[in-house]
Protein backbone atom coordinates (compact mmCIF):
# COMPACT_ATOMS: atom_id res chain seq x y z
CA UNK A 1 0.00 0.00 0.00
CA UNK A 2 2.81 2.39 0.93
CA UNK A 3 4.67 1.80 -2.35
CA UNK A 4 1.59 2.61 -4.43
CA UNK A 5 0.76 5.67 -2.37
CA UNK A 6 4.34 6.92 -2.66
CA UNK A 7 4.42 6.29 -6.41
CA UNK A 8 7.13 3.61 -6.21
CA UNK A 9 5.14 0.53 -7.23
CA UNK A 10 7.28 -2.49 -8.11
CA UNK A 11 4.78 -5.18 -9.11
CA UNK A 12 1.87 -3.18 -10.56
CA UNK A 13 1.18 -0.17 -12.73
CA UNK A 14 0.84 2.01 -9.62
CA UNK A 15 -2.79 2.89 -10.26
CA UNK A 16 -4.82 3.84 -7.22
CA UNK A 17 -7.05 0.78 -7.52
CA UNK A 18 -7.65 -2.41 -5.60
CA UNK A 19 -6.43 -4.40 -8.60
CA UNK A 20 -3.05 -2.63 -8.48
CA UNK A 21 -2.92 -2.98 -4.70
CA UNK A 22 -3.55 -6.73 -4.99
CA UNK A 23 -0.86 -7.06 -7.69
CA UNK A 24 1.57 -5.07 -5.58
CA UNK A 25 0.88 -7.29 -2.56
CA UNK A 26 0.94 -10.42 -4.76
CA UNK A 27 -2.47 -11.57 -3.51
CA UNK A 28 -5.71 -12.29 -5.38
CA UNK A 29 -7.97 -9.26 -5.76
CA UNK A 30 -10.87 -11.00 -4.02
CA UNK A 31 -8.65 -11.41 -0.96
CA UNK A 32 -8.82 -7.65 -0.53
CA UNK A 33 -12.43 -7.17 -1.56
CA UNK A 34 -13.96 -10.11 0.28
CA UNK A 35 -11.68 -11.27 3.09
CA UNK A 36 -10.02 -7.96 3.98
CA UNK A 37 -12.45 -5.14 3.19
CA UNK A 38 -10.84 -3.21 6.04
CA UNK A 39 -7.59 -2.99 4.04
CA UNK A 40 -9.50 -1.94 0.95
CA UNK A 41 -11.34 0.77 2.89
CA UNK A 42 -8.10 1.89 4.53
CA UNK A 43 -6.41 2.14 1.13
CA UNK A 44 -9.19 4.30 -0.33
CA UNK A 45 -9.29 6.41 2.83
CA UNK A 46 -5.57 7.11 2.54
CA UNK A 47 -5.94 7.96 -1.15
CA UNK A 48 -8.70 10.45 -0.36
CA UNK A 49 -6.76 11.85 2.63
CA UNK A 50 -3.94 12.74 0.26
CA UNK A 51 -6.41 14.70 -1.83
CA UNK A 52 -6.37 12.23 -4.69
CA UNK A 53 -9.28 10.48 -6.28
CA UNK A 54 -8.93 6.72 -6.82
CA UNK A 55 -8.37 5.78 -10.47
CA UNK A 56 -11.44 3.54 -10.43
CA UNK A 57 -13.58 6.50 -9.39
CA UNK A 58 -12.03 8.67 -12.10
CA UNK A 59 -12.81 6.00 -14.71
CA UNK A 60 -16.37 5.66 -13.45
CA UNK A 61 -16.89 9.43 -13.54
CA UNK A 62 -15.57 9.53 -17.12
CA UNK A 63 -17.91 6.71 -18.05
CA UNK A 64 -20.83 8.57 -16.46
CA UNK A 65 -20.02 11.63 -18.57
CA UNK A 66 -19.92 9.52 -21.74
CA UNK A 67 -23.19 7.80 -20.85
CA UNK A 68 -24.89 11.14 -20.19
CA UNK A 69 -23.69 12.40 -23.57
CA UNK A 70 -25.01 9.25 -25.24
CA UNK A 71 -28.32 9.60 -23.43
CA UNK A 72 -28.66 13.21 -24.59
CA UNK A 73 -27.81 12.17 -28.16
CA UNK A 74 -30.40 9.38 -28.09
CA UNK A 75 -33.01 11.68 -26.56
CA UNK A 76 -32.48 14.17 -29.39
CA UNK A 77 -32.66 11.36 -31.96
CA UNK A 78 -35.85 10.02 -30.38
CA UNK A 79 -37.39 13.48 -30.45
CA UNK A 80 -36.52 13.83 -34.14
CA UNK A 81 -37.99 10.39 -34.90
CA UNK A 82 -41.22 11.29 -33.12
CA UNK A 83 -41.45 14.48 -35.16
CA UNK A 84 -40.78 12.49 -38.34
CA UNK A 85 -43.52 10.02 -37.44
CA UNK A 86 -46.02 12.87 -36.99
CA UNK A 87 -45.11 14.27 -40.42
CA UNK A 88 -45.34 10.85 -42.03
CA UNK A 89 -48.75 10.20 -40.47
CA UNK A 90 -50.00 13.53 -41.87
CA UNK A 91 -48.62 12.65 -45.32
CA UNK A 92 -50.27 9.21 -45.25
CA UNK A 93 -53.58 10.77 -44.22
CA UNK A 94 -53.35 13.37 -47.00
CA UNK A 95 -52.52 10.70 -49.57
CA UNK A 96 -55.39 8.54 -48.34
CA UNK A 97 -57.83 11.44 -48.79
CA UNK A 98 -56.51 12.14 -52.29
CA UNK A 99 -56.70 8.44 -53.16
CA UNK A 100 -60.35 8.27 -52.03
CA UNK A 101 -61.16 11.35 -54.08
CA UNK A 102 -59.51 9.91 -57.19
CA UNK A 103 -61.27 6.56 -56.78
CA UNK A 104 -64.55 8.40 -56.36
CA UNK A 105 -63.87 10.39 -59.52
CA UNK A 106 -63.10 7.17 -61.41
CA UNK A 107 -66.43 5.67 -60.40
CA UNK A 108 -68.39 8.58 -61.93
CA UNK A 109 -69.96 7.86 -65.35
CA UNK A 110 -68.37 10.88 -67.04
CA UNK A 111 -65.01 10.57 -65.40
CA UNK A 112 -62.26 12.69 -66.89
CA UNK A 113 -59.63 10.77 -65.04
CA UNK A 114 -57.78 8.11 -66.99
CA UNK A 115 -55.95 5.20 -65.53
CA UNK A 116 -52.32 5.17 -66.58
CA UNK A 117 -50.81 1.88 -67.59
CA UNK A 118 -48.58 0.40 -64.98
CA UNK A 119 -45.09 -0.69 -66.00
CA UNK A 120 -44.46 -4.42 -65.84
CA UNK A 121 -42.91 -5.62 -62.62
CA UNK A 122 -39.36 -6.88 -63.00
CA UNK A 123 -38.93 -10.53 -62.17
CA UNK A 124 -36.53 -11.40 -59.42
C-alpha atoms as a PDB file:
ATOM      1  CA  UNK A   1       0.000   0.000   0.000  1.00  0.00           C
ATOM      2  CA  UNK A   2       2.806   2.388   0.926  1.00  0.00           C
ATOM      3  CA  UNK A   3       4.672   1.802  -2.351  1.00  0.00           C
ATOM      4  CA  UNK A   4       1.589   2.613  -4.434  1.00  0.00           C
ATOM      5  CA  UNK A   5       0.763   5.671  -2.368  1.00  0.00           C
ATOM      6  CA  UNK A   6       4.340   6.919  -2.661  1.00  0.00           C
ATOM      7  CA  UNK A   7       4.416   6.286  -6.406  1.00  0.00           C
ATOM      8  CA  UNK A   8       7.131   3.613  -6.213  1.00  0.00           C
ATOM      9  CA  UNK A   9       5.142   0.527  -7.231  1.00  0.00           C
ATOM     10  CA  UNK A  10       7.278  -2.487  -8.113  1.00  0.00           C
ATOM     11  CA  UNK A  11       4.777  -5.180  -9.106  1.00  0.00           C
ATOM     12  CA  UNK A  12       1.869  -3.180 -10.560  1.00  0.00           C
ATOM     13  CA  UNK A  13       1.176  -0.166 -12.734  1.00  0.00           C
ATOM     14  CA  UNK A  14       0.841   2.006  -9.617  1.00  0.00           C
ATOM     15  CA  UNK A  15      -2.792   2.890 -10.256  1.00  0.00           C
ATOM     16  CA  UNK A  16      -4.824   3.836  -7.216  1.00  0.00           C
ATOM     17  CA  UNK A  17      -7.047   0.777  -7.515  1.00  0.00           C
ATOM     18  CA  UNK A  18      -7.651  -2.414  -5.595  1.00  0.00           C
ATOM     19  CA  UNK A  19      -6.427  -4.402  -8.596  1.00  0.00           C
ATOM     20  CA  UNK A  20      -3.051  -2.625  -8.481  1.00  0.00           C
ATOM     21  CA  UNK A  21      -2.918  -2.984  -4.696  1.00  0.00           C
ATOM     22  CA  UNK A  22      -3.554  -6.732  -4.990  1.00  0.00           C
ATOM     23  CA  UNK A  23      -0.860  -7.063  -7.688  1.00  0.00           C
ATOM     24  CA  UNK A  24       1.574  -5.068  -5.584  1.00  0.00           C
ATOM     25  CA  UNK A  25       0.879  -7.290  -2.560  1.00  0.00           C
ATOM     26  CA  UNK A  26       0.941 -10.424  -4.755  1.00  0.00           C
ATOM     27  CA  UNK A  27      -2.467 -11.567  -3.515  1.00  0.00           C
ATOM     28  CA  UNK A  28      -5.706 -12.289  -5.377  1.00  0.00           C
ATOM     29  CA  UNK A  29      -7.970  -9.259  -5.756  1.00  0.00           C
ATOM     30  CA  UNK A  30     -10.867 -10.997  -4.025  1.00  0.00           C
ATOM     31  CA  UNK A  31      -8.648 -11.415  -0.959  1.00  0.00           C
ATOM     32  CA  UNK A  32      -8.823  -7.646  -0.534  1.00  0.00           C
ATOM     33  CA  UNK A  33     -12.429  -7.165  -1.558  1.00  0.00           C
ATOM     34  CA  UNK A  34     -13.962 -10.107   0.283  1.00  0.00           C
ATOM     35  CA  UNK A  35     -11.683 -11.269   3.094  1.00  0.00           C
ATOM     36  CA  UNK A  36     -10.024  -7.960   3.982  1.00  0.00           C
ATOM     37  CA  UNK A  37     -12.446  -5.141   3.187  1.00  0.00           C
ATOM     38  CA  UNK A  38     -10.843  -3.209   6.042  1.00  0.00           C
ATOM     39  CA  UNK A  39      -7.593  -2.993   4.037  1.00  0.00           C
ATOM     40  CA  UNK A  40      -9.496  -1.937   0.947  1.00  0.00           C
ATOM     41  CA  UNK A  41     -11.344   0.770   2.889  1.00  0.00           C
ATOM     42  CA  UNK A  42      -8.097   1.891   4.531  1.00  0.00           C
ATOM     43  CA  UNK A  43      -6.410   2.140   1.133  1.00  0.00           C
ATOM     44  CA  UNK A  44      -9.190   4.299  -0.329  1.00  0.00           C
ATOM     45  CA  UNK A  45      -9.289   6.411   2.834  1.00  0.00           C
ATOM     46  CA  UNK A  46      -5.565   7.109   2.537  1.00  0.00           C
ATOM     47  CA  UNK A  47      -5.943   7.959  -1.151  1.00  0.00           C
ATOM     48  CA  UNK A  48      -8.701  10.448  -0.357  1.00  0.00           C
ATOM     49  CA  UNK A  49      -6.761  11.850   2.627  1.00  0.00           C
ATOM     50  CA  UNK A  50      -3.938  12.740   0.256  1.00  0.00           C
ATOM     51  CA  UNK A  51      -6.415  14.705  -1.833  1.00  0.00           C
ATOM     52  CA  UNK A  52      -6.371  12.227  -4.685  1.00  0.00           C
ATOM     53  CA  UNK A  53      -9.276  10.480  -6.277  1.00  0.00           C
ATOM     54  CA  UNK A  54      -8.929   6.719  -6.818  1.00  0.00           C
ATOM     55  CA  UNK A  55      -8.372   5.776 -10.472  1.00  0.00           C
ATOM     56  CA  UNK A  56     -11.439   3.541 -10.433  1.00  0.00           C
ATOM     57  CA  UNK A  57     -13.577   6.501  -9.387  1.00  0.00           C
ATOM     58  CA  UNK A  58     -12.033   8.673 -12.101  1.00  0.00           C
ATOM     59  CA  UNK A  59     -12.808   6.005 -14.714  1.00  0.00           C
ATOM     60  CA  UNK A  60     -16.372   5.660 -13.449  1.00  0.00           C
ATOM     61  CA  UNK A  61     -16.886   9.428 -13.539  1.00  0.00           C
ATOM     62  CA  UNK A  62     -15.571   9.531 -17.120  1.00  0.00           C
ATOM     63  CA  UNK A  63     -17.915   6.710 -18.051  1.00  0.00           C
ATOM     64  CA  UNK A  64     -20.827   8.566 -16.459  1.00  0.00           C
ATOM     65  CA  UNK A  65     -20.023  11.634 -18.568  1.00  0.00           C
ATOM     66  CA  UNK A  66     -19.918   9.516 -21.740  1.00  0.00           C
ATOM     67  CA  UNK A  67     -23.189   7.803 -20.852  1.00  0.00           C
ATOM     68  CA  UNK A  68     -24.888  11.143 -20.188  1.00  0.00           C
ATOM     69  CA  UNK A  69     -23.688  12.400 -23.569  1.00  0.00           C
ATOM     70  CA  UNK A  70     -25.013   9.246 -25.239  1.00  0.00           C
ATOM     71  CA  UNK A  71     -28.322   9.601 -23.432  1.00  0.00           C
ATOM     72  CA  UNK A  72     -28.658  13.213 -24.595  1.00  0.00           C
ATOM     73  CA  UNK A  73     -27.812  12.173 -28.157  1.00  0.00           C
ATOM     74  CA  UNK A  74     -30.397   9.384 -28.092  1.00  0.00           C
ATOM     75  CA  UNK A  75     -33.008  11.676 -26.558  1.00  0.00           C
ATOM     76  CA  UNK A  76     -32.483  14.167 -29.392  1.00  0.00           C
ATOM     77  CA  UNK A  77     -32.663  11.362 -31.959  1.00  0.00           C
ATOM     78  CA  UNK A  78     -35.846  10.019 -30.377  1.00  0.00           C
ATOM     79  CA  UNK A  79     -37.394  13.482 -30.447  1.00  0.00           C
ATOM     80  CA  UNK A  80     -36.521  13.831 -34.143  1.00  0.00           C
ATOM     81  CA  UNK A  81     -37.987  10.393 -34.898  1.00  0.00           C
ATOM     82  CA  UNK A  82     -41.222  11.290 -33.116  1.00  0.00           C
ATOM     83  CA  UNK A  83     -41.446  14.478 -35.164  1.00  0.00           C
ATOM     84  CA  UNK A  84     -40.779  12.495 -38.343  1.00  0.00           C
ATOM     85  CA  UNK A  85     -43.522  10.019 -37.442  1.00  0.00           C
ATOM     86  CA  UNK A  86     -46.018  12.866 -36.985  1.00  0.00           C
ATOM     87  CA  UNK A  87     -45.109  14.272 -40.416  1.00  0.00           C
ATOM     88  CA  UNK A  88     -45.341  10.854 -42.033  1.00  0.00           C
ATOM     89  CA  UNK A  89     -48.751  10.199 -40.474  1.00  0.00           C
ATOM     90  CA  UNK A  90     -50.000  13.527 -41.873  1.00  0.00           C
ATOM     91  CA  UNK A  91     -48.620  12.648 -45.316  1.00  0.00           C
ATOM     92  CA  UNK A  92     -50.269   9.206 -45.252  1.00  0.00           C
ATOM     93  CA  UNK A  93     -53.583  10.771 -44.220  1.00  0.00           C
ATOM     94  CA  UNK A  94     -53.351  13.367 -47.002  1.00  0.00           C
ATOM     95  CA  UNK A  95     -52.522  10.701 -49.574  1.00  0.00           C
ATOM     96  CA  UNK A  96     -55.393   8.537 -48.344  1.00  0.00           C
ATOM     97  CA  UNK A  97     -57.830  11.439 -48.787  1.00  0.00           C
ATOM     98  CA  UNK A  98     -56.508  12.140 -52.287  1.00  0.00           C
ATOM     99  CA  UNK A  99     -56.695   8.438 -53.156  1.00  0.00           C
ATOM    100  CA  UNK A 100     -60.348   8.265 -52.026  1.00  0.00           C
ATOM    101  CA  UNK A 101     -61.157  11.355 -54.082  1.00  0.00           C
ATOM    102  CA  UNK A 102     -59.505   9.912 -57.187  1.00  0.00           C
ATOM    103  CA  UNK A 103     -61.269   6.556 -56.777  1.00  0.00           C
ATOM    104  CA  UNK A 104     -64.555   8.404 -56.365  1.00  0.00           C
ATOM    105  CA  UNK A 105     -63.871  10.394 -59.519  1.00  0.00           C
ATOM    106  CA  UNK A 106     -63.102   7.175 -61.407  1.00  0.00           C
ATOM    107  CA  UNK A 107     -66.426   5.672 -60.399  1.00  0.00           C
ATOM    108  CA  UNK A 108     -68.391   8.584 -61.932  1.00  0.00           C
ATOM    109  CA  UNK A 109     -69.960   7.863 -65.346  1.00  0.00           C
ATOM    110  CA  UNK A 110     -68.372  10.884 -67.037  1.00  0.00           C
ATOM    111  CA  UNK A 111     -65.008  10.567 -65.401  1.00  0.00           C
ATOM    112  CA  UNK A 112     -62.264  12.694 -66.888  1.00  0.00           C
ATOM    113  CA  UNK A 113     -59.633  10.773 -65.042  1.00  0.00           C
ATOM    114  CA  UNK A 114     -57.776   8.112 -66.994  1.00  0.00           C
ATOM    115  CA  UNK A 115     -55.953   5.204 -65.526  1.00  0.00           C
ATOM    116  CA  UNK A 116     -52.325   5.173 -66.584  1.00  0.00           C
ATOM    117  CA  UNK A 117     -50.812   1.882 -67.593  1.00  0.00           C
ATOM    118  CA  UNK A 118     -48.575   0.395 -64.984  1.00  0.00           C
ATOM    119  CA  UNK A 119     -45.087  -0.689 -65.995  1.00  0.00           C
ATOM    120  CA  UNK A 120     -44.461  -4.418 -65.844  1.00  0.00           C
ATOM    121  CA  UNK A 121     -42.909  -5.624 -62.624  1.00  0.00           C
ATOM    122  CA  UNK A 122     -39.357  -6.880 -63.002  1.00  0.00           C
ATOM    123  CA  UNK A 123     -38.934 -10.525 -62.165  1.00  0.00           C
ATOM    124  CA  UNK A 124     -36.528 -11.404 -59.420  1.00  0.00           C
END
